[in-house]
Amino acid sequence: MKEQRKRLIGQVTSDKMEKTVVVRVDRQYRHPLYKKVVRTSKKYMAHDEENTCRIGDMVRIVESRPYSRQKRWAVEEILERVA
């Protein structure tokens, strides 16, 4: 059976917590009535087991079991490191 978990790509905006990062995921969509392209973003708290992510990194997060009240995502891989 194919894995059904959602995956999102975003940028790390905070790494100040232990084993947790805040990831900002940007998305674009066209407004249904006015047809203007709208840009919006949402922040997700993600579990980072090894504390390897830094601010500015591009990461892929995957849906997972609840780690805490706000943490339901985990860092799957770091796509691009910041210099």
PDB file of N, CA and C in Angstrom:
ATOM      1  N   MET A   1       0.834  -1.184   0.000  1.00  0.00           N
ATOM      2  CA  MET A   1       0.000   0.000   0.000  1.00  0.00           C
ATOM      3  C   MET A   1       0.883   1.252   0.000  1.00  0.00           C
ATOM      4  N   LYS A   2       0.491   2.232  -0.800  1.00  0.00           N
ATOM      5  CA  LYS A   2       1.260   3.472  -0.896  1.00  0.00           C
ATOM      6  C   LYS A   2       1.131   4.282   0.392  1.00  0.00           C
ATOM      7  N   GLU A   3       2.224   4.912   0.785  1.00  0.00           N
ATOM      8  CA  GLU A   3       2.213   5.709   2.004  1.00  0.00           C
ATOM      9  C   GLU A   3       1.337   6.950   1.817  1.00  0.00           C
ATOM     10  N   GLN A   4       0.473   7.237   2.793  1.00  0.00           N
ATOM     11  CA  GLN A   4      -0.529   8.287   2.665  1.00  0.00           C
ATOM     12  C   GLN A   4      -0.159   9.578   3.397  1.00  0.00           C
ATOM     13  N   ARG A   5       1.031   9.645   3.985  1.00  0.00           N
ATOM     14  CA  ARG A   5       1.372  10.820   4.779  1.00  0.00           C
ATOM     15  C   ARG A   5       1.656  12.039   3.911  1.00  0.00           C
ATOM     16  N   LYS A   6       1.217  13.204   4.382  1.00  0.00           N
ATOM     17  CA  LYS A   6       1.445  14.443   3.649  1.00  0.00           C
ATOM     18  C   LYS A   6       2.881  14.899   3.843  1.00  0.00           C
ATOM     19  N   ARG A   7       3.417  15.577   2.821  1.00  0.00           N
ATOM     20  CA  ARG A   7       4.759  16.128   2.872  1.00  0.00           C
ATOM     21  C   ARG A   7       4.702  17.574   2.404  1.00  0.00           C
ATOM     22  N   LEU A   8       5.434  18.447   3.099  1.00  0.00           N
ATOM     23  CA  LEU A   8       5.487  19.859   2.748  1.00  0.00           C
ATOM     24  C   LEU A   8       6.944  20.310   2.727  1.00  0.00           C
ATOM     25  N   ILE A   9       7.233  21.336   1.925  1.00  0.00           N
ATOM     26  CA  ILE A   9       8.580  21.898   1.842  1.00  0.00           C
ATOM     27  C   ILE A   9       8.515  23.339   2.332  1.00  0.00           C
ATOM     28  N   GLY A  10       9.428  23.687   3.243  1.00  0.00           N
ATOM     29  CA  GLY A  10       9.420  25.039   3.790  1.00  0.00           C
ATOM     30  C   GLY A  10      10.779  25.438   4.326  1.00  0.00           C
ATOM     31  N   GLN A  11      10.822  26.633   4.889  1.00  0.00           N
ATOM     32  CA  GLN A  11      12.065  27.212   5.388  1.00  0.00           C
ATOM     33  C   GLN A  11      12.013  27.293   6.914  1.00  0.00           C
ATOM     34  N   VAL A  12      13.124  26.933   7.543  1.00  0.00           N
ATOM     35  CA  VAL A  12      13.214  26.979   9.005  1.00  0.00           C
ATOM     36  C   VAL A  12      13.314  28.439   9.439  1.00  0.00           C
ATOM     37  N   THR A  13      12.399  28.853  10.345  1.00  0.00           N
ATOM     38  CA  THR A  13      12.414  30.232  10.831  1.00  0.00           C
ATOM     39  C   THR A  13      12.878  30.327  12.278  1.00  0.00           C
ATOM     40  N   SER A  14      12.844  29.218  13.029  1.00  0.00           N
ATOM     41  CA  SER A  14      13.305  29.240  14.416  1.00  0.00           C
ATOM     42  C   SER A  14      13.837  27.865  14.785  1.00  0.00           C
ATOM     43  N   ASP A  15      14.986  27.863  15.490  1.00  0.00           N
ATOM     44  CA  ASP A  15      15.564  26.611  15.973  1.00  0.00           C
ATOM     45  C   ASP A  15      15.967  26.738  17.439  1.00  0.00           C
ATOM     46  N   LYS A  16      15.283  27.591  18.182  1.00  0.00           N
ATOM     47  CA  LYS A  16      15.673  27.893  19.550  1.00  0.00           C
ATOM     48  C   LYS A  16      15.239  26.837  20.553  1.00  0.00           C
ATOM     49  N   MET A  17      14.348  25.922  20.149  1.00  0.00           N
ATOM     50  CA  MET A  17      13.859  24.902  21.075  1.00  0.00           C
ATOM     51  C   MET A  17      14.682  23.622  20.950  1.00  0.00           C
ATOM     52  N   GLU A  18      14.591  22.761  21.957  1.00  0.00           N
ATOM     53  CA  GLU A  18      15.259  21.459  21.924  1.00  0.00           C
ATOM     54  C   GLU A  18      14.458  20.511  21.048  1.00  0.00           C
ATOM     55  N   LYS A  19      15.089  19.957  20.007  1.00  0.00           N
ATOM     56  CA  LYS A  19      14.491  18.962  19.120  1.00  0.00           C
ATOM     57  C   LYS A  19      13.228  19.443  18.413  1.00  0.00           C
ATOM     58  N   THR A  20      13.091  20.756  18.257  1.00  0.00           N
ATOM     59  CA  THR A  20      11.927  21.327  17.577  1.00  0.00           C
ATOM     60  C   THR A  20      12.367  22.489  16.712  1.00  0.00           C
ATOM     61  N   VAL A  21      11.804  22.577  15.514  1.00  0.00           N
ATOM     62  CA  VAL A  21      12.026  23.728  14.643  1.00  0.00           C
ATOM     63  C   VAL A  21      10.670  24.246  14.171  1.00  0.00           C
ATOM     64  N   VAL A  22      10.633  25.532  13.840  1.00  0.00           N
ATOM     65  CA  VAL A  22       9.442  26.128  13.258  1.00  0.00           C
ATOM     66  C   VAL A  22       9.720  26.286  11.774  1.00  0.00           C
ATOM     67  N   VAL A  23       8.817  25.739  10.945  1.00  0.00           N
ATOM     68  CA  VAL A  23       8.994  25.738   9.493  1.00  0.00           C
ATOM     69  C   VAL A  23       7.881  26.570   8.871  1.00  0.00           C
ATOM     70  N   ARG A  24       8.264  27.551   8.029  1.00  0.00           N
ATOM     71  CA  ARG A  24       7.279  28.362   7.315  1.00  0.00           C
ATOM     72  C   ARG A  24       7.080  27.779   5.918  1.00  0.00           C
ATOM     73  N   VAL A  25       5.842  27.410   5.618  1.00  0.00           N
ATOM     74  CA  VAL A  25       5.502  26.846   4.314  1.00  0.00           C
ATOM     75  C   VAL A  25       4.708  27.897   3.540  1.00  0.00           C
ATOM     76  N   ASP A  26       5.239  28.324   2.387  1.00  0.00           N
ATOM     77  CA  ASP A  26       4.574  29.314   1.537  1.00  0.00           C
ATOM     78  C   ASP A  26       3.776  28.600   0.465  1.00  0.00           C
ATOM     79  N   ARG A  27       2.627  29.187   0.104  1.00  0.00           N
ATOM     80  CA  ARG A  27       1.856  28.631  -1.002  1.00  0.00           C
ATOM     81  C   ARG A  27       1.182  29.750  -1.768  1.00  0.00           C
ATOM     82  N   GLN A  28       0.876  29.497  -3.027  1.00  0.00           N
ATOM     83  CA  GLN A  28       0.193  30.459  -3.887  1.00  0.00           C
ATOM     84  C   GLN A  28      -1.064  29.803  -4.428  1.00  0.00           C
ATOM     85  N   TYR A  29      -2.113  30.613  -4.545  1.00  0.00           N
ATOM     86  CA  TYR A  29      -3.325  30.121  -5.182  1.00  0.00           C
ATOM     87  C   TYR A  29      -4.034  31.298  -5.841  1.00  0.00           C
ATOM     88  N   ARG A  30      -4.884  31.008  -6.796  1.00  0.00           N
ATOM     89  CA  ARG A  30      -5.629  32.043  -7.492  1.00  0.00           C
ATOM     90  C   ARG A  30      -6.969  32.236  -6.797  1.00  0.00           C
ATOM     91  N   HIS A  31      -7.311  33.502  -6.507  1.00  0.00           N
ATOM     92  CA  HIS A  31      -8.569  33.802  -5.846  1.00  0.00           C
ATOM     93  C   HIS A  31      -9.728  33.389  -6.756  1.00  0.00           C
ATOM     94  N   PRO A  32     -10.720  32.671  -6.215  1.00  0.00           N
ATOM     95  CA  PRO A  32     -11.774  32.139  -7.080  1.00  0.00           C
ATOM     96  C   PRO A  32     -12.629  33.203  -7.773  1.00  0.00           C
ATOM     97  N   LEU A  33     -12.836  34.345  -7.149  1.00  0.00           N
ATOM     98  CA  LEU A  33     -13.682  35.374  -7.750  1.00  0.00           C
ATOM     99  C   LEU A  33     -12.872  36.414  -8.511  1.00  0.00           C
ATOM    100  N   TYR A  34     -11.807  36.928  -7.885  1.00  0.00           N
ATOM    101  CA  TYR A  34     -11.069  38.045  -8.473  1.00  0.00           C
ATOM    102  C   TYR A  34      -9.881  37.620  -9.318  1.00  0.00           C
ATOM    103  N   LYS A  35      -9.554  36.354  -9.315  1.00  0.00           N
ATOM    104  CA  LYS A  35      -8.502  35.771 -10.170  1.00  0.00           C
ATOM    105  C   LYS A  35      -7.107  36.322  -9.901  1.00  0.00           C
ATOM    106  N   LYS A  36      -6.913  36.971  -8.762  1.00  0.00           N
ATOM    107  CA  LYS A  36      -5.594  37.471  -8.405  1.00  0.00           C
ATOM    108  C   LYS A  36      -4.811  36.361  -7.708  1.00  0.00           C
ATOM    109  N   VAL A  37      -3.503  36.310  -7.954  1.00  0.00           N
ATOM    110  CA  VAL A  37      -2.661  35.325  -7.287  1.00  0.00           C
ATOM    111  C   VAL A  37      -2.408  35.800  -5.860  1.00  0.00           C
ATOM    112  N   VAL A  38      -2.773  34.960  -4.900  1.00  0.00           N
ATOM    113  CA  VAL A  38      -2.630  35.299  -3.494  1.00  0.00           C
ATOM    114  C   VAL A  38      -1.510  34.447  -2.911  1.00  0.00           C
ATOM    115  N   ARG A  39      -0.573  35.094  -2.207  1.00  0.00           N
ATOM    116  CA  ARG A  39       0.508  34.371  -1.539  1.00  0.00           C
ATOM    117  C   ARG A  39       0.198  34.327  -0.058  1.00  0.00           C
ATOM    118  N   THR A  40       0.308  33.156   0.540  1.00  0.00           N
ATOM    119  CA  THR A  40       0.068  33.012   1.965  1.00  0.00           C
ATOM    120  C   THR A  40       1.085  32.036   2.535  1.00  0.00           C
ATOM    121  N   SER A  41       1.282  32.118   3.841  1.00  0.00           N
ATOM    122  CA  SER A  41       2.219  31.202   4.479  1.00  0.00           C
ATOM    123  C   SER A  41       1.628  30.717   5.791  1.00  0.00           C
ATOM    124  N   LYS A  42       2.122  29.571   6.241  1.00  0.00           N
ATOM    125  CA  LYS A  42       1.664  28.984   7.487  1.00  0.00           C
ATOM    126  C   LYS A  42       2.877  28.399   8.198  1.00  0.00           C
ATOM    127  N   LYS A  43       2.879  28.480   9.527  1.00  0.00           N
ATOM    128  CA  LYS A  43       3.993  27.958  10.310  1.00  0.00           C
ATOM    129  C   LYS A  43       3.618  26.616  10.921  1.00  0.00           C
ATOM    130  N   TYR A  44       4.553  25.684  10.867  1.00  0.00           N
ATOM    131  CA  TYR A  44       4.378  24.360  11.459  1.00  0.00           C
ATOM    132  C   TYR A  44       5.535  24.101  12.412  1.00  0.00           C
ATOM    133  N   MET A  45       5.221  23.511  13.563  1.00  0.00           N
ATOM    134  CA  MET A  45       6.270  23.062  14.473  1.00  0.00           C
ATOM    135  C   MET A  45       6.594  21.620  14.094  1.00  0.00           C
ATOM    136  N   ALA A  46       7.885  21.336  13.901  1.00  0.00           N
ATOM    137  CA  ALA A  46       8.300  20.019  13.448  1.00  0.00           C
ATOM    138  C   ALA A  46       9.368  19.451  14.369  1.00  0.00           C
ATOM    139  N   HIS A  47       9.334  18.137  14.523  1.00  0.00           N
ATOM    140  CA  HIS A  47      10.293  17.431  15.375  1.00  0.00           C
ATOM    141  C   HIS A  47      11.600  17.237  14.617  1.00  0.00           C
ATOM    142  N   ASP A  48      12.701  17.635  15.244  1.00  0.00           N
ATOM    143  CA  ASP A  48      14.038  17.498  14.656  1.00  0.00           C
ATOM    144  C   ASP A  48      14.892  16.718  15.658  1.00  0.00           C
ATOM    145  N   GLU A  49      14.958  15.416  15.490  1.00  0.00           N
ATOM    146  CA  GLU A  49      15.545  14.522  16.491  1.00  0.00           C
ATOM    147  C   GLU A  49      17.002  14.845  16.794  1.00  0.00           C
ATOM    148  N   GLU A  50      17.826  15.131  15.770  1.00  0.00           N
ATOM    149  CA  GLU A  50      19.258  15.348  15.988  1.00  0.00           C
ATOM    150  C   GLU A  50      19.642  16.813  16.167  1.00  0.00           C
ATOM    151  N   ASN A  51      18.687  17.734  16.165  1.00  0.00           N
ATOM    152  CA  ASN A  51      18.971  19.168  16.266  1.00  0.00           C
ATOM    153  C   ASN A  51      19.932  19.627  15.169  1.00  0.00           C
ATOM    154  N   THR A  52      19.721  19.180  13.934  1.00  0.00           N
ATOM    155  CA  THR A  52      20.635  19.508  12.839  1.00  0.00           C
ATOM    156  C   THR A  52      20.183  20.706  12.021  1.00  0.00           C
ATOM    157  N   CYS A  53      18.923  21.093  12.086  1.00  0.00           N
ATOM    158  CA  CYS A  53      18.410  22.196  11.268  1.00  0.00           C
ATOM    159  C   CYS A  53      18.833  23.543  11.847  1.00  0.00           C
ATOM    160  N   ARG A  54      19.128  24.481  10.957  1.00  0.00           N
ATOM    161  CA  ARG A  54      19.471  25.843  11.341  1.00  0.00           C
ATOM    162  C   ARG A  54      18.522  26.815  10.637  1.00  0.00           C
ATOM    163  N   ILE A  55      18.479  28.037  11.129  1.00  0.00           N
ATOM    164  CA  ILE A  55      17.599  29.053  10.538  1.00  0.00           C
ATOM    165  C   ILE A  55      18.002  29.292   9.086  1.00  0.00           C
ATOM    166  N   GLY A  56      17.027  29.272   8.188  1.00  0.00           N
ATOM    167  CA  GLY A  56      17.266  29.494   6.765  1.00  0.00           C
ATOM    168  C   GLY A  56      17.329  28.229   5.943  1.00  0.00           C
ATOM    169  N   ASP A  57      17.459  27.059   6.564  1.00  0.00           N
ATOM    170  CA  ASP A  57      17.513  25.797   5.825  1.00  0.00           C
ATOM    171  C   ASP A  57      16.167  25.503   5.163  1.00  0.00           C
ATOM    172  N   MET A  58      16.218  24.916   3.969  1.00  0.00           N
ATOM    173  CA  MET A  58      15.008  24.418   3.313  1.00  0.00           C
ATOM    174  C   MET A  58      14.865  22.945   3.696  1.00  0.00           C
ATOM    175  N   VAL A  59      13.707  22.573   4.228  1.00  0.00           N
ATOM    176  CA  VAL A  59      13.504  21.213   4.719  1.00  0.00           C
ATOM    177  C   VAL A  59      12.196  20.645   4.184  1.00  0.00           C
ATOM    178  N   ARG A  60      12.132  19.326   4.150  1.00  0.00           N
ATOM    179  CA  ARG A  60      10.885  18.626   3.842  1.00  0.00           C
ATOM    180  C   ARG A  60      10.363  18.046   5.147  1.00  0.00           C
ATOM    181  N   ILE A  61       9.112  18.378   5.494  1.00  0.00           N
ATOM    182  CA  ILE A  61       8.507  17.838   6.713  1.00  0.00           C
ATOM    183  C   ILE A  61       7.413  16.859   6.320  1.00  0.00           C
ATOM    184  N   VAL A  62       7.192  15.891   7.196  1.00  0.00           N
ATOM    185  CA  VAL A  62       6.232  14.833   6.919  1.00  0.00           C
ATOM    186  C   VAL A  62       5.293  14.706   8.106  1.00  0.00           C
ATOM    187  N   GLU A  63       4.043  14.399   7.817  1.00  0.00           N
ATOM    188  CA  GLU A  63       3.040  14.200   8.850  1.00  0.00           C
ATOM    189  C   GLU A  63       3.444  13.027   9.733  1.00  0.00           C
ATOM    190  N   SER A  64       3.235  13.162  11.048  1.00  0.00           N
ATOM    191  CA  SER A  64       3.651  12.087  11.945  1.00  0.00           C
ATOM    192  C   SER A  64       2.714  12.038  13.145  1.00  0.00           C
ATOM    193  N   ARG A  65       3.046  11.165  14.065  1.00  0.00           N
ATOM    194  CA  ARG A  65       2.246  11.067  15.284  1.00  0.00           C
ATOM    195  C   ARG A  65       2.396  12.347  16.093  1.00  0.00           C
ATOM    196  N   PRO A  66       1.455  12.665  16.976  1.00  0.00           N
ATOM    197  CA  PRO A  66       1.598  13.862  17.796  1.00  0.00           C
ATOM    198  C   PRO A  66       2.741  13.717  18.800  1.00  0.00           C
ATOM    199  N   TYR A  67       3.710  14.633  18.730  1.00  0.00           N
ATOM    200  CA  TYR A  67       4.805  14.651  19.692  1.00  0.00           C
ATOM    201  C   TYR A  67       4.439  15.502  20.898  1.00  0.00           C
ATOM    202  N   SER A  68       3.601  16.510  20.693  1.00  0.00           N
ATOM    203  CA  SER A  68       3.155  17.387  21.772  1.00  0.00           C
ATOM    204  C   SER A  68       1.855  18.036  21.319  1.00  0.00           C
ATOM    205  N   ARG A  69       1.413  19.047  22.054  1.00  0.00           N
ATOM    206  CA  ARG A  69       0.130  19.671  21.737  1.00  0.00           C
ATOM    207  C   ARG A  69       0.143  20.348  20.362  1.00  0.00           C
ATOM    208  N   GLN A  70       1.277  20.918  19.963  1.00  0.00           N
ATOM    209  CA  GLN A  70       1.366  21.638  18.694  1.00  0.00           C
ATOM    210  C   GLN A  70       2.218  20.932  17.639  1.00  0.00           C
ATOM    211  N   LYS A  71       2.948  19.908  18.028  1.00  0.00           N
ATOM    212  CA  LYS A  71       3.900  19.258  17.117  1.00  0.00           C
ATOM    213  C   LYS A  71       3.307  17.990  16.528  1.00  0.00           C
ATOM    214  N   ARG A  72       2.950  18.039  15.223  1.00  0.00           N
ATOM    215  CA  ARG A  72       2.417  16.874  14.526  1.00  0.00           C
ATOM    216  C   ARG A  72       3.173  16.588  13.233  1.00  0.00           C
ATOM    217  N   TRP A  73       4.327  17.206  13.050  1.00  0.00           N
ATOM    218  CA  TRP A  73       5.152  17.030  11.861  1.00  0.00           C
ATOM    219  C   TRP A  73       6.578  16.688  12.296  1.00  0.00           C
ATOM    220  N   ALA A  74       7.308  16.033  11.409  1.00  0.00           N
ATOM    221  CA  ALA A  74       8.706  15.691  11.676  1.00  0.00           C
ATOM    222  C   ALA A  74       9.543  16.064  10.453  1.00  0.00           C
ATOM    223  N   VAL A  75      10.786  16.480  10.699  1.00  0.00           N
ATOM    224  CA  VAL A  75      11.696  16.811   9.600  1.00  0.00           C
ATOM    225  C   VAL A  75      12.129  15.511   8.945  1.00  0.00           C
ATOM    226  N   GLU A  76      11.858  15.396   7.655  1.00  0.00           N
ATOM    227  CA  GLU A  76      12.236  14.186   6.913  1.00  0.00           C
ATOM    228  C   GLU A  76      13.645  14.311   6.348  1.00  0.00           C
ATOM    229  N   GLU A  77      13.928  15.467   5.718  1.00  0.00           N
ATOM    230  CA  GLU A  77      15.273  15.671   5.184  1.00  0.00           C
ATOM    231  C   GLU A  77      15.545  17.150   4.988  1.00  0.00           C
ATOM    232  N   ILE A  78      16.819  17.508   5.040  1.00  0.00           N
ATOM    233  CA  ILE A  78      17.249  18.875   4.784  1.00  0.00           C
ATOM    234  C   ILE A  78      17.599  18.962   3.311  1.00  0.00           C
ATOM    235  N   LEU A  79      16.869  19.798   2.567  1.00  0.00           N
ATOM    236  CA  LEU A  79      17.065  19.891   1.114  1.00  0.00           C
ATOM    237  C   LEU A  79      18.190  20.855   0.760  1.00  0.00           C
ATOM    238  N   GLU A  80      18.295  21.958   1.489  1.00  0.00           N
ATOM    239  CA  GLU A  80      19.284  22.968   1.161  1.00  0.00           C
ATOM    240  C   GLU A  80      19.772  23.617   2.445  1.00  0.00           C
ATOM    241  N   ARG A  81      21.076  23.619   2.624  1.00  0.00           N
ATOM    242  CA  ARG A  81      21.689  24.227   3.807  1.00  0.00           C
ATOM    243  C   ARG A  81      21.965  25.695   3.546  1.00  0.00           C
ATOM    244  N   VAL A  82      21.864  26.511   4.597  1.00  0.00           N
ATOM    245  CA  VAL A  82      22.250  27.903   4.502  1.00  0.00           C
ATOM    246  C   VAL A  82      23.751  28.002   4.772  1.00  0.00           C
ATOM    247  N   ALA A  83      24.426  28.904   4.107  1.00  0.00           N
ATOM    248  CA  ALA A  83      25.883  28.979   4.226  1.00  0.00           C
ATOM    249  C   ALA A  83      26.350  29.568   5.513  1.00  0.00           C
TER     250      ALA A  83
END
